[in-house]
Amino acid sequence: MKPIITDHTRFEAQRRQIDLELMLSIVEDPQQKVPSKGNRVVFQSKYYDKINGKEMLLRAIVELAGDTFKVISVYKTSKIDKYWIREERE
């Protein structure tokens, strides 16, 4: 299923220097899906950012509606430890 990308998301991706193809690949196959408020989920993946020259986390705020999902916003952050969900080992 192809995600719906809002105009706001496209604007923010351009403003934040996020490649649209990278965003789409992460949205279509995220490393993690983190529950958020309401019917929203954060799709996130780690990647190497050439602009900043380091590993970053790309986070897409996704609204689920039945069989479709809409990308509400997208941003990148260097604060991976703040958002990354680590699996607990027993």
Protein backbone atom coordinates (compact mmCIF):
# COMPACT_ATOMS: atom_id res chain seq x y z
CA MET A 1 0.00 0.00 0.00
CA LYS A 2 1.36 3.40 -1.00
CA PRO A 3 1.36 6.10 1.69
CA ILE A 4 -0.39 9.44 1.24
CA ILE A 5 2.14 12.26 1.56
CA THR A 6 0.57 15.57 2.62
CA ASP A 7 1.62 18.93 1.19
CA HIS A 8 2.76 19.89 4.71
CA THR A 9 5.03 16.83 4.81
CA ARG A 10 6.54 17.67 1.42
CA PHE A 11 7.15 21.25 2.55
CA GLU A 12 8.77 20.16 5.83
CA ALA A 13 10.94 17.55 4.08
CA GLN A 14 12.27 20.19 1.70
CA ARG A 15 12.76 22.76 4.46
CA ARG A 16 14.58 20.23 6.65
CA GLN A 17 16.72 18.95 3.75
CA ILE A 18 15.24 15.45 3.83
CA ASP A 19 15.39 13.56 0.54
CA LEU A 20 11.89 12.54 -0.52
CA GLU A 21 13.07 9.14 -1.79
CA LEU A 22 14.77 8.42 1.57
CA MET A 23 11.61 9.42 3.42
CA LEU A 24 9.46 7.16 1.23
CA SER A 25 11.79 4.18 1.67
CA ILE A 26 11.74 4.59 5.44
CA VAL A 27 7.97 5.06 5.54
CA GLU A 28 7.43 1.96 3.41
CA ASP A 29 9.85 -0.18 5.48
CA PRO A 30 10.62 1.40 8.88
CA GLN A 31 13.05 -0.18 11.33
CA GLN A 32 10.65 0.67 14.16
CA LYS A 33 7.02 1.68 14.63
CA VAL A 34 6.39 3.58 17.86
CA PRO A 35 2.83 4.21 19.10
CA SER A 36 1.89 7.88 19.47
CA LYS A 37 -1.23 9.86 20.34
CA GLY A 38 -4.61 8.82 18.98
CA ASN A 39 -4.43 6.86 15.75
CA ARG A 40 -0.88 8.02 15.00
CA VAL A 41 2.31 5.99 14.85
CA VAL A 42 5.89 7.18 14.44
CA PHE A 43 7.77 5.26 11.74
CA GLN A 44 11.49 5.64 12.32
CA SER A 45 14.80 4.41 10.96
CA LYS A 46 18.46 5.15 11.47
CA TYR A 47 20.46 6.32 8.45
CA TYR A 48 23.72 8.09 7.59
CA ASP A 49 23.08 11.76 6.84
CA LYS A 50 25.55 13.11 4.28
CA ILE A 51 24.71 16.75 5.09
CA ASN A 52 25.53 16.35 8.80
CA GLY A 53 28.17 13.66 8.29
CA LYS A 54 26.81 11.32 10.96
CA GLU A 55 24.17 8.77 11.83
CA MET A 56 20.74 10.33 12.29
CA LEU A 57 17.21 9.18 12.99
CA LEU A 58 14.45 9.95 10.50
CA ARG A 59 10.99 10.06 12.10
CA ALA A 60 7.73 10.19 10.16
CA ILE A 61 4.45 10.90 11.96
CA VAL A 62 1.87 8.65 10.34
CA GLU A 63 -1.91 8.69 10.76
CA LEU A 64 -3.57 5.31 10.29
CA ALA A 65 -7.04 5.10 8.74
CA GLY A 66 -8.20 1.60 7.87
CA ASP A 67 -6.07 0.20 5.06
CA THR A 68 -4.39 3.52 4.30
CA PHE A 69 -1.89 5.69 6.07
CA LYS A 70 -1.08 9.34 5.72
CA VAL A 71 2.31 10.88 6.51
CA ILE A 72 1.53 13.99 8.59
CA SER A 73 5.08 15.27 9.12
CA VAL A 74 8.72 14.21 8.96
CA TYR A 75 11.91 15.29 10.69
CA LYS A 76 15.44 14.11 11.36
CA THR A 77 17.27 14.19 14.66
CA SER A 78 20.69 13.31 16.03
CA LYS A 79 19.11 12.38 19.40
CA ILE A 80 18.82 8.70 18.53
CA ASP A 81 19.01 7.51 22.16
CA LYS A 82 16.06 9.72 23.10
CA TYR A 83 13.68 8.08 20.61
CA TRP A 84 15.08 4.65 19.75
CA ILE A 85 13.26 1.79 21.48
CA ARG A 86 15.79 -0.72 22.73
CA GLU A 87 14.70 -4.33 23.06
CA GLU A 88 15.03 -5.55 26.61
CA ARG A 89 16.92 -8.76 27.14
CA GLU A 90 15.95 -11.18 29.84
